[in-house]
Amino acid sequence: MRRKIPTEASMPVGESDDAAPASTPVADHDGVRFTIFYEVHGPKVFVIGADVLMRCFGAPSAQADALLNAFRRHEAQIVAAAGRHRTSAGGLTALCEADFEPGAPPAAFSS
């Protein structure tokens, strides 16, 4: 029997898709990938590029250690920006500089 996975539109009023960062972030010279596990929608993989980590969060270089250190220092802010993306499970969502601008609007749906 197939289980229907609720979508935001089908969730009862007041029910949220709580999120919990759960995986160890992985860094390389391109950026940092991390997963957020949503209570309703399941896991979603995000990437924040080296250029964004250097410009927005002060990573001194594109070396994996420098990117990972910048990510960890600003993890709460990065995860909050990722959470503004209304996503379904699967796929990869890239975070960009606009996600971290003051007063940035909620992100559009992506998958």
Protein backbone atom coordinates (compact mmCIF):
# COMPACT_ATOMS: atom_id res chain seq x y z
CA MET A 1 0.00 0.00 0.00
CA ARG A 2 1.41 3.36 -0.96
CA ARG A 3 1.54 6.02 1.69
CA LYS A 4 0.53 9.48 0.54
CA ILE A 5 3.13 12.05 1.48
CA PRO A 6 1.44 15.27 2.55
CA THR A 7 2.29 18.45 0.72
CA GLU A 8 2.22 21.88 2.28
CA ALA A 9 -1.17 22.50 0.72
CA SER A 10 -2.54 19.26 2.17
CA MET A 11 -1.10 19.69 5.67
CA PRO A 12 -3.67 20.52 8.31
CA VAL A 13 -3.70 24.14 9.40
CA GLY A 14 -1.17 24.66 12.15
CA GLU A 15 0.95 21.63 11.19
CA SER A 16 4.47 22.50 10.20
CA ASP A 17 7.23 20.76 8.34
CA ASP A 18 9.79 21.03 11.14
CA ALA A 19 13.38 20.75 10.03
CA ALA A 20 16.47 19.34 11.67
CA PRO A 21 19.95 19.58 10.20
CA ALA A 22 21.18 16.04 10.45
CA SER A 23 24.16 15.27 8.30
CA THR A 24 27.76 16.28 8.65
CA PRO A 25 28.44 18.99 6.08
CA VAL A 26 30.82 17.98 3.28
CA ALA A 27 33.24 20.54 1.84
CA ASP A 28 35.38 20.64 -1.26
CA HIS A 29 36.84 23.51 -3.29
CA ASP A 30 33.40 24.15 -4.87
CA GLY A 31 31.53 24.72 -1.60
CA VAL A 32 29.73 22.92 1.21
CA ARG A 33 26.87 20.43 0.82
CA PHE A 34 24.56 19.72 3.72
CA THR A 35 21.27 17.94 4.31
CA ILE A 36 18.23 19.09 6.24
CA PHE A 37 15.69 16.48 7.26
CA TYR A 38 12.12 17.79 7.07
CA GLU A 39 9.52 16.08 9.22
CA VAL A 40 6.98 15.88 6.39
CA HIS A 41 8.97 16.21 3.17
CA GLY A 42 12.02 14.15 4.17
CA PRO A 43 15.66 14.95 3.40
CA LYS A 44 16.73 17.82 1.16
CA VAL A 45 20.30 18.48 0.05
CA PHE A 46 21.60 22.05 -0.19
CA VAL A 47 24.86 23.49 -1.43
CA ILE A 48 26.43 26.83 -0.64
CA GLY A 49 29.17 27.71 -3.11
CA ALA A 50 32.72 28.71 -2.28
CA ASP A 51 32.14 32.17 -3.75
CA VAL A 52 29.15 32.78 -1.45
CA LEU A 53 31.05 31.56 1.60
CA MET A 54 33.98 33.84 0.75
CA ARG A 55 31.93 36.96 -0.05
CA CYS A 56 29.16 36.65 2.55
CA PHE A 57 30.82 34.77 5.40
CA GLY A 58 34.51 35.66 5.22
CA ALA A 59 36.03 32.34 4.15
CA PRO A 60 39.64 33.33 3.35
CA SER A 61 40.00 30.88 0.44
CA ALA A 62 38.27 28.12 -1.48
CA GLN A 63 40.15 25.41 0.38
CA ALA A 64 37.79 22.87 1.91
CA ASP A 65 38.92 23.57 5.50
CA ALA A 66 38.40 27.33 5.12
CA LEU A 67 34.95 26.85 3.59
CA LEU A 68 33.89 24.37 6.27
CA ASN A 69 35.07 26.68 9.06
CA ALA A 70 33.07 29.60 7.60
CA PHE A 71 30.03 27.33 7.23
CA ARG A 72 30.26 26.16 10.84
CA ARG A 73 30.67 29.70 12.19
CA HIS A 74 27.51 30.81 10.36
CA GLU A 75 25.60 27.52 10.25
CA ALA A 76 22.46 28.84 11.96
CA GLN A 77 22.11 31.68 9.44
CA ILE A 78 22.82 29.38 6.48
CA VAL A 79 20.34 26.73 7.66
CA ALA A 80 17.71 29.44 8.23
CA ALA A 81 18.19 30.67 4.65
CA ALA A 82 17.90 27.11 3.36
CA GLY A 83 14.69 26.66 5.33
CA ARG A 84 13.11 29.58 3.47
CA HIS A 85 13.24 27.54 0.27
CA ARG A 86 9.96 25.72 -0.14
CA THR A 87 11.24 22.44 -1.41
CA SER A 88 10.23 18.89 -1.93
CA ALA A 89 12.53 15.98 -1.16
CA GLY A 90 15.10 15.10 -3.78
CA GLY A 91 17.26 17.26 -5.97
CA LEU A 92 19.84 19.81 -4.93
CA THR A 93 19.13 23.42 -3.98
CA ALA A 94 21.92 25.96 -4.33
CA LEU A 95 21.98 28.93 -1.97
CA CYS A 96 23.12 32.24 -3.47
CA GLU A 97 24.17 35.64 -2.15
CA ALA A 98 20.61 36.95 -2.44
CA ASP A 99 19.53 34.41 0.19
CA PHE A 100 21.65 36.29 2.75
CA GLU A 101 20.82 39.91 1.92
CA PRO A 102 19.06 41.84 4.68
CA GLY A 103 15.32 41.60 4.17
CA ALA A 104 15.68 38.81 1.59
CA PRO A 105 12.21 37.61 0.59
CA PRO A 106 11.30 34.00 1.19
CA ALA A 107 12.85 31.84 -1.51
CA ALA A 108 10.78 30.53 -4.35
CA PHE A 109 9.89 26.88 -4.70
CA SER A 110 12.78 24.82 -5.97
CA SER A 111 13.53 21.17 -6.42
